[in-house]
Amino acid sequence: MSIYTKEQIGKKEADLKSLYKRINEIPEDVDNPGDLARKITLYTMAQGIIGSMYAQSIYEHGHAKVVLKNKRLTLMESYPPGETIKSKEARAEIDTFDLQEAEALARAIAKRWEAAYNQTEQLANALKKELEILNDELRAGGR
């Protein structure tokens, strides 16, 4: 089970790539309020996609944690009854190393999407401030 299908994820990634291509076509030193507003809109659209990918990654991280916990408990139940709890826990840790790696990777991916979301928000906010300043200057007869 997943929030999005692989096809939906692929489409979102393609849409995001397309948005960033369009963003990069707009010059960095924009003097035109229309171009700046368009860039803000594109970043906002990108943030929406990034947010959905962030939600997907949070789901995948949670799922990886549940799978790991379930496997550990299942393994501990399957070990001989005479073993100590500490011994069973140690064996389960060793026997679930691959799942621990998968959980750590899922967490890292979620953190990466979170950072991308926050960075995009900061960029859009900075551009909004820049647009506000540009509009003020244009109204005052500058530029």
N, C-alpha and C. Protein backbone atom coordinates (compact mmCIF):
# COMPACT_ATOMS: atom_id res chain seq x y z
N MET A 1 0.84 -1.18 0.00
CA MET A 1 0.00 0.00 0.00
C MET A 1 0.89 1.24 0.00
N SER A 2 0.40 2.27 -0.67
CA SER A 2 1.16 3.50 -0.79
C SER A 2 0.19 4.65 -1.04
N ILE A 3 0.64 5.86 -0.80
CA ILE A 3 -0.20 7.02 -1.08
C ILE A 3 -0.37 7.17 -2.59
N TYR A 4 0.73 7.04 -3.32
CA TYR A 4 0.72 7.19 -4.77
C TYR A 4 1.25 5.93 -5.43
N THR A 5 0.78 5.66 -6.63
CA THR A 5 1.31 4.53 -7.41
C THR A 5 2.66 4.95 -7.99
N LYS A 6 3.41 3.98 -8.47
CA LYS A 6 4.69 4.28 -9.11
C LYS A 6 4.50 5.21 -10.30
N GLU A 7 3.41 5.00 -11.04
CA GLU A 7 3.12 5.85 -12.20
C GLU A 7 2.85 7.29 -11.76
N GLN A 8 2.09 7.44 -10.69
CA GLN A 8 1.79 8.78 -10.18
C GLN A 8 3.06 9.47 -9.69
N ILE A 9 3.91 8.71 -9.03
CA ILE A 9 5.18 9.27 -8.55
C ILE A 9 6.03 9.69 -9.74
N GLY A 10 6.10 8.84 -10.76
CA GLY A 10 6.86 9.17 -11.96
C GLY A 10 6.34 10.43 -12.63
N LYS A 11 5.03 10.58 -12.68
CA LYS A 11 4.43 11.78 -13.28
C LYS A 11 4.76 13.01 -12.45
N LYS A 12 4.68 12.89 -11.14
CA LYS A 12 5.00 14.02 -10.27
C LYS A 12 6.46 14.43 -10.44
N GLU A 13 7.36 13.45 -10.52
CA GLU A 13 8.77 13.75 -10.72
C GLU A 13 9.00 14.43 -12.07
N ALA A 14 8.31 13.97 -13.11
CA ALA A 14 8.43 14.58 -14.44
C ALA A 14 7.87 16.00 -14.42
N ASP A 15 6.74 16.19 -13.76
CA ASP A 15 6.14 17.53 -13.65
C ASP A 15 7.08 18.48 -12.90
N LEU A 16 7.70 17.98 -11.84
CA LEU A 16 8.62 18.80 -11.06
C LEU A 16 9.83 19.20 -11.90
N LYS A 17 10.36 18.24 -12.64
CA LYS A 17 11.50 18.52 -13.52
C LYS A 17 11.12 19.58 -14.56
N SER A 18 9.93 19.46 -15.11
CA SER A 18 9.44 20.42 -16.10
C SER A 18 9.29 21.82 -15.48
N LEU A 19 8.77 21.88 -14.25
CA LEU A 19 8.62 23.17 -13.58
C LEU A 19 9.98 23.82 -13.36
N TYR A 20 10.96 23.04 -12.90
CA TYR A 20 12.29 23.61 -12.66
C TYR A 20 12.96 24.04 -13.96
N LYS A 21 12.67 23.34 -15.05
CA LYS A 21 13.19 23.77 -16.34
C LYS A 21 12.63 25.14 -16.69
N ARG A 22 11.33 25.31 -16.48
CA ARG A 22 10.68 26.60 -16.75
C ARG A 22 11.20 27.69 -15.81
N ILE A 23 11.42 27.34 -14.55
CA ILE A 23 11.96 28.31 -13.58
C ILE A 23 13.34 28.77 -14.04
N ASN A 24 14.17 27.82 -14.48
CA ASN A 24 15.55 28.15 -14.87
C ASN A 24 15.62 28.95 -16.17
N GLU A 25 14.54 28.96 -16.93
CA GLU A 25 14.50 29.77 -18.16
C GLU A 25 14.28 31.25 -17.85
N ILE A 26 13.80 31.55 -16.67
CA ILE A 26 13.59 32.94 -16.26
C ILE A 26 14.91 33.44 -15.65
N PRO A 27 15.43 34.57 -16.14
CA PRO A 27 16.72 35.06 -15.64
C PRO A 27 16.72 35.28 -14.12
N GLU A 28 17.90 35.14 -13.53
CA GLU A 28 18.05 35.33 -12.08
C GLU A 28 17.78 36.77 -11.68
N ASP A 29 18.30 37.71 -12.47
CA ASP A 29 18.15 39.12 -12.13
C ASP A 29 16.95 39.72 -12.88
N VAL A 30 15.78 39.32 -12.44
CA VAL A 30 14.54 39.71 -13.10
C VAL A 30 14.20 41.17 -12.75
N ASP A 31 13.95 41.99 -13.77
CA ASP A 31 13.52 43.37 -13.57
C ASP A 31 12.06 43.56 -13.95
N ASN A 32 11.46 42.53 -14.48
CA ASN A 32 10.08 42.59 -14.96
C ASN A 32 9.17 41.94 -13.92
N PRO A 33 8.23 42.70 -13.37
CA PRO A 33 7.33 42.13 -12.35
C PRO A 33 6.57 40.90 -12.85
N GLY A 34 6.22 40.89 -14.13
CA GLY A 34 5.49 39.74 -14.68
C GLY A 34 6.33 38.47 -14.63
N ASP A 35 7.61 38.59 -15.01
CA ASP A 35 8.51 37.43 -14.96
C ASP A 35 8.72 36.97 -13.53
N LEU A 36 8.87 37.95 -12.64
CA LEU A 36 9.08 37.61 -11.23
C LEU A 36 7.83 36.92 -10.66
N ALA A 37 6.66 37.42 -10.99
CA ALA A 37 5.42 36.80 -10.52
C ALA A 37 5.28 35.39 -11.09
N ARG A 38 5.66 35.21 -12.35
CA ARG A 38 5.60 33.89 -12.98
C ARG A 38 6.55 32.91 -12.27
N LYS A 39 7.74 33.42 -11.91
CA LYS A 39 8.71 32.59 -11.20
C LYS A 39 8.17 32.17 -9.83
N ILE A 40 7.52 33.11 -9.15
CA ILE A 40 6.92 32.80 -7.84
C ILE A 40 5.84 31.74 -8.01
N THR A 41 5.02 31.90 -9.03
CA THR A 41 3.96 30.93 -9.28
C THR A 41 4.54 29.55 -9.55
N LEU A 42 5.59 29.49 -10.35
CA LEU A 42 6.21 28.20 -10.67
C LEU A 42 6.81 27.55 -9.42
N TYR A 43 7.47 28.36 -8.58
CA TYR A 43 8.02 27.81 -7.33
C TYR A 43 6.89 27.31 -6.42
N THR A 44 5.78 28.01 -6.40
CA THR A 44 4.64 27.59 -5.58
C THR A 44 4.07 26.27 -6.10
N MET A 45 3.99 26.15 -7.42
CA MET A 45 3.51 24.90 -8.01
C MET A 45 4.49 23.76 -7.68
N ALA A 46 5.78 24.06 -7.77
CA ALA A 46 6.80 23.05 -7.43
C ALA A 46 6.67 22.64 -5.97
N GLN A 47 6.41 23.61 -5.11
CA GLN A 47 6.27 23.30 -3.69
C GLN A 47 5.10 22.36 -3.44
N GLY A 48 4.03 22.52 -4.20
CA GLY A 48 2.90 21.61 -4.06
C GLY A 48 3.29 20.18 -4.39
N ILE A 49 4.04 20.01 -5.46
CA ILE A 49 4.49 18.66 -5.84
C ILE A 49 5.46 18.13 -4.79
N ILE A 50 6.39 18.98 -4.38
CA ILE A 50 7.37 18.57 -3.36
C ILE A 50 6.65 18.16 -2.08
N GLY A 51 5.61 18.89 -1.71
CA GLY A 51 4.84 18.56 -0.52
C GLY A 51 4.21 17.18 -0.61
N SER A 52 3.69 16.85 -1.79
CA SER A 52 3.08 15.52 -1.95
C SER A 52 4.15 14.43 -1.93
N MET A 53 5.33 14.73 -2.48
CA MET A 53 6.42 13.75 -2.44
C MET A 53 6.95 13.60 -1.00
N TYR A 54 6.93 14.69 -0.27
CA TYR A 54 7.33 14.65 1.14
C TYR A 54 6.35 13.77 1.92
N ALA A 55 5.06 13.93 1.66
CA ALA A 55 4.06 13.09 2.33
C ALA A 55 4.27 11.62 1.98
N GLN A 56 4.55 11.34 0.72
CA GLN A 56 4.83 9.97 0.29
C GLN A 56 6.04 9.41 1.04
N SER A 57 7.08 10.22 1.15
CA SER A 57 8.30 9.74 1.82
C SER A 57 8.08 9.53 3.31
N ILE A 58 7.23 10.34 3.93
CA ILE A 58 6.90 10.12 5.35
C ILE A 58 6.17 8.79 5.50
N TYR A 59 5.24 8.53 4.58
CA TYR A 59 4.54 7.26 4.60
C TYR A 59 5.53 6.10 4.47
N GLU A 60 6.43 6.20 3.50
CA GLU A 60 7.38 5.11 3.26
C GLU A 60 8.30 4.91 4.46
N HIS A 61 8.69 6.00 5.12
CA HIS A 61 9.52 5.86 6.32
C HIS A 61 8.74 5.16 7.43
N GLY A 62 7.49 5.57 7.64
CA GLY A 62 6.66 4.93 8.66
C GLY A 62 6.44 3.46 8.36
N HIS A 63 6.22 3.15 7.09
CA HIS A 63 6.03 1.76 6.68
C HIS A 63 7.30 0.94 6.95
N ALA A 64 8.45 1.51 6.63
CA ALA A 64 9.72 0.80 6.86
C ALA A 64 9.92 0.53 8.36
N LYS A 65 9.54 1.50 9.20
CA LYS A 65 9.66 1.31 10.65
C LYS A 65 8.76 0.19 11.13
N VAL A 66 7.53 0.13 10.62
CA VAL A 66 6.57 -0.91 11.02
C VAL A 66 7.06 -2.29 10.58
N VAL A 67 7.56 -2.38 9.37
CA VAL A 67 8.08 -3.65 8.85
C VAL A 67 9.25 -4.12 9.71
N LEU A 68 10.14 -3.21 10.04
CA LEU A 68 11.30 -3.55 10.87
C LEU A 68 10.85 -4.05 12.25
N LYS A 69 9.95 -3.31 12.87
CA LYS A 69 9.48 -3.71 14.20
C LYS A 69 8.79 -5.08 14.16
N ASN A 70 7.94 -5.28 13.15
CA ASN A 70 7.24 -6.55 13.01
C ASN A 70 8.23 -7.70 12.83
N LYS A 71 9.23 -7.50 12.00
CA LYS A 71 10.22 -8.55 11.74
C LYS A 71 11.01 -8.87 13.01
N ARG A 72 11.41 -7.84 13.74
CA ARG A 72 12.14 -8.07 14.99
C ARG A 72 11.32 -8.91 15.96
N LEU A 73 10.05 -8.52 16.13
CA LEU A 73 9.20 -9.25 17.08
C LEU A 73 8.94 -10.68 16.61
N THR A 74 8.73 -10.86 15.32
CA THR A 74 8.51 -12.19 14.77
C THR A 74 9.74 -13.06 14.98
N LEU A 75 10.91 -12.50 14.72
CA LEU A 75 12.15 -13.25 14.92
C LEU A 75 12.33 -13.62 16.39
N MET A 76 12.10 -12.66 17.28
CA MET A 76 12.28 -12.94 18.71
C MET A 76 11.36 -14.06 19.18
N GLU A 77 10.15 -14.11 18.63
CA GLU A 77 9.21 -15.17 18.98
C GLU A 77 9.68 -16.53 18.46
N SER A 78 10.42 -16.50 17.34
CA SER A 78 10.83 -17.76 16.72
C SER A 78 12.10 -18.35 17.35
N TYR A 79 12.83 -17.56 18.13
CA TYR A 79 14.05 -18.07 18.75
C TYR A 79 13.70 -19.04 19.88
N PRO A 80 14.63 -19.93 20.21
CA PRO A 80 14.37 -20.93 21.26
C PRO A 80 13.91 -20.29 22.58
N PRO A 81 12.93 -20.91 23.24
CA PRO A 81 12.36 -20.33 24.46
C PRO A 81 13.36 -20.18 25.61
N GLY A 82 14.44 -20.93 25.62
CA GLY A 82 15.40 -20.86 26.72
C GLY A 82 16.33 -19.65 26.65
N GLU A 83 16.36 -18.95 25.53
CA GLU A 83 17.26 -17.79 25.39
C GLU A 83 16.75 -16.62 26.22
N THR A 84 17.69 -15.81 26.66
CA THR A 84 17.29 -14.61 27.41
C THR A 84 16.72 -13.57 26.44
N ILE A 85 15.95 -12.67 26.98
CA ILE A 85 15.37 -11.58 26.18
C ILE A 85 16.50 -10.77 25.53
N LYS A 86 17.54 -10.49 26.30
CA LYS A 86 18.68 -9.71 25.79
C LYS A 86 19.32 -10.43 24.62
N SER A 87 19.48 -11.71 24.72
CA SER A 87 20.07 -12.50 23.64
C SER A 87 19.18 -12.48 22.40
N LYS A 88 17.88 -12.63 22.60
CA LYS A 88 16.94 -12.60 21.47
C LYS A 88 16.96 -11.23 20.79
N GLU A 89 17.00 -10.17 21.60
CA GLU A 89 17.03 -8.82 21.03
C GLU A 89 18.30 -8.60 20.20
N ALA A 90 19.42 -9.09 20.71
CA ALA A 90 20.69 -8.94 19.99
C ALA A 90 20.65 -9.70 18.67
N ARG A 91 20.15 -10.92 18.69
CA ARG A 91 20.05 -11.70 17.44
C ARG A 91 19.10 -11.02 16.45
N ALA A 92 17.99 -10.51 16.97
CA ALA A 92 17.03 -9.84 16.09
C ALA A 92 17.64 -8.59 15.46
N GLU A 93 18.45 -7.88 16.21
CA GLU A 93 19.15 -6.70 15.66
C GLU A 93 20.04 -7.11 14.50
N ILE A 94 20.79 -8.18 14.70
CA ILE A 94 21.69 -8.67 13.65
C ILE A 94 20.90 -9.16 12.45
N ASP A 95 19.84 -9.89 12.71
CA ASP A 95 19.05 -10.49 11.63
C ASP A 95 18.19 -9.49 10.85
N THR A 96 18.05 -8.30 11.37
CA THR A 96 17.24 -7.29 10.66
C THR A 96 18.08 -6.12 10.15
N PHE A 97 19.36 -6.33 10.00
CA PHE A 97 20.24 -5.25 9.57
C PHE A 97 19.78 -4.63 8.25
N ASP A 98 19.37 -5.46 7.30
CA ASP A 98 18.94 -4.94 5.99
C ASP A 98 17.70 -4.06 6.14
N LEU A 99 16.79 -4.44 7.03
CA LEU A 99 15.59 -3.63 7.25
C LEU A 99 15.92 -2.34 7.99
N GLN A 100 16.93 -2.39 8.86
CA GLN A 100 17.37 -1.17 9.54
C GLN A 100 17.96 -0.19 8.53
N GLU A 101 18.72 -0.72 7.57
CA GLU A 101 19.27 0.13 6.52
C GLU A 101 18.16 0.74 5.67
N ALA A 102 17.14 -0.04 5.35
CA ALA A 102 16.02 0.45 4.55
C ALA A 102 15.27 1.54 5.30
N GLU A 103 15.10 1.37 6.60
CA GLU A 103 14.40 2.37 7.41
C GLU A 103 15.22 3.66 7.47
N ALA A 104 16.53 3.52 7.63
CA ALA A 104 17.40 4.71 7.68
C ALA A 104 17.38 5.45 6.34
N LEU A 105 17.39 4.72 5.26
CA LEU A 105 17.33 5.33 3.93
C LEU A 105 16.00 6.05 3.73
N ALA A 106 14.91 5.43 4.14
CA ALA A 106 13.59 6.04 4.02
C ALA A 106 13.52 7.34 4.84
N ARG A 107 14.13 7.32 6.01
CA ARG A 107 14.16 8.53 6.85
C ARG A 107 14.97 9.63 6.17
N ALA A 108 16.11 9.27 5.59
CA ALA A 108 16.95 10.26 4.91
C ALA A 108 16.21 10.87 3.72
N ILE A 109 15.49 10.05 2.97
CA ILE A 109 14.73 10.55 1.83
C ILE A 109 13.64 11.51 2.30
N ALA A 110 12.96 11.16 3.39
CA ALA A 110 11.92 12.05 3.94
C ALA A 110 12.54 13.38 4.36
N LYS A 111 13.70 13.35 4.98
CA LYS A 111 14.37 14.58 5.40
C LYS A 111 14.78 15.42 4.18
N ARG A 112 15.20 14.75 3.12
CA ARG A 112 15.59 15.46 1.90
C ARG A 112 14.38 16.18 1.29
N TRP A 113 13.21 15.50 1.23
CA TRP A 113 12.01 16.14 0.71
C TRP A 113 11.56 17.28 1.61
N GLU A 114 11.70 17.09 2.92
CA GLU A 114 11.34 18.15 3.86
C GLU A 114 12.21 19.39 3.62
N ALA A 115 13.51 19.16 3.45
CA ALA A 115 14.43 20.27 3.19
C ALA A 115 14.09 20.96 1.87
N ALA A 116 13.76 20.18 0.85
CA ALA A 116 13.40 20.76 -0.45
C ALA A 116 12.13 21.60 -0.32
N TYR A 117 11.18 21.11 0.44
CA TYR A 117 9.93 21.85 0.65
C TYR A 117 10.22 23.19 1.34
N ASN A 118 11.00 23.13 2.41
CA ASN A 118 11.32 24.34 3.16
C ASN A 118 12.13 25.33 2.33
N GLN A 119 13.10 24.82 1.57
CA GLN A 119 13.92 25.68 0.73
C GLN A 119 13.07 26.36 -0.34
N THR A 120 12.16 25.62 -0.95
CA THR A 120 11.29 26.19 -1.98
C THR A 120 10.40 27.26 -1.38
N GLU A 121 9.91 27.02 -0.18
CA GLU A 121 9.09 28.02 0.50
C GLU A 121 9.89 29.29 0.75
N GLN A 122 11.12 29.13 1.20
CA GLN A 122 11.98 30.30 1.46
C GLN A 122 12.28 31.06 0.17
N LEU A 123 12.54 30.33 -0.92
CA LEU A 123 12.80 30.98 -2.20
C LEU A 123 11.58 31.78 -2.67
N ALA A 124 10.41 31.16 -2.60
CA ALA A 124 9.19 31.84 -3.02
C ALA A 124 8.95 33.08 -2.16
N ASN A 125 9.17 32.99 -0.86
CA ASN A 125 8.97 34.13 0.02
C ASN A 125 9.96 35.25 -0.29
N ALA A 126 11.20 34.88 -0.57
CA ALA A 126 12.21 35.89 -0.92
C ALA A 126 11.84 36.58 -2.23
N LEU A 127 11.36 35.81 -3.19
CA LEU A 127 10.95 36.40 -4.47
C LEU A 127 9.73 37.29 -4.30
N LYS A 128 8.82 36.92 -3.41
CA LYS A 128 7.65 37.76 -3.14
C LYS A 128 8.10 39.11 -2.57
N LYS A 129 9.07 39.08 -1.68
CA LYS A 129 9.60 40.32 -1.11
C LYS A 129 10.28 41.14 -2.20
N GLU A 130 11.02 40.48 -3.05
CA GLU A 130 11.69 41.15 -4.16
C GLU A 130 10.66 41.79 -5.10
N LEU A 131 9.57 41.08 -5.36
CA LEU A 131 8.51 41.62 -6.21
C LEU A 131 7.87 42.85 -5.56
N GLU A 132 7.67 42.78 -4.28
CA GLU A 132 7.10 43.91 -3.55
C GLU A 132 8.00 45.14 -3.67
N ILE A 133 9.30 44.94 -3.49
CA ILE A 133 10.27 46.04 -3.60
C ILE A 133 10.29 46.58 -5.02
N LEU A 134 10.29 45.68 -6.00
CA LEU A 134 10.31 46.08 -7.41
C LEU A 134 9.07 46.91 -7.75
N ASN A 135 7.93 46.47 -7.30
CA ASN A 135 6.68 47.21 -7.55
C ASN A 135 6.72 48.58 -6.88
N ASP A 136 7.24 48.65 -5.65
CA ASP A 136 7.37 49.94 -4.96
C ASP A 136 8.28 50.88 -5.73
N GLU A 137 9.39 50.36 -6.23
CA GLU A 137 10.33 51.18 -7.00
C GLU A 137 9.71 51.66 -8.31
N LEU A 138 8.96 50.77 -8.96
CA LEU A 138 8.32 51.16 -10.21
C LEU A 138 7.26 52.24 -9.98
N ARG A 139 6.50 52.11 -8.90
CA ARG A 139 5.50 53.12 -8.56
C ARG A 139 6.15 54.47 -8.23
N ALA A 140 7.33 54.40 -7.65
CA ALA A 140 8.04 55.63 -7.28
C ALA A 140 8.81 56.23 -8.47
N GLY A 141 8.78 55.52 -9.61
CA GLY A 141 9.44 56.03 -10.81
C GLY A 141 10.87 55.57 -10.97
N GLY A 142 11.30 54.61 -10.18
CA GLY A 142 12.67 54.08 -10.28
C GLY A 142 12.77 52.97 -11.30
N ARG A 143 13.96 52.48 -11.46
CA ARG A 143 14.34 51.38 -12.37
C ARG A 143 13.99 51.77 -13.75
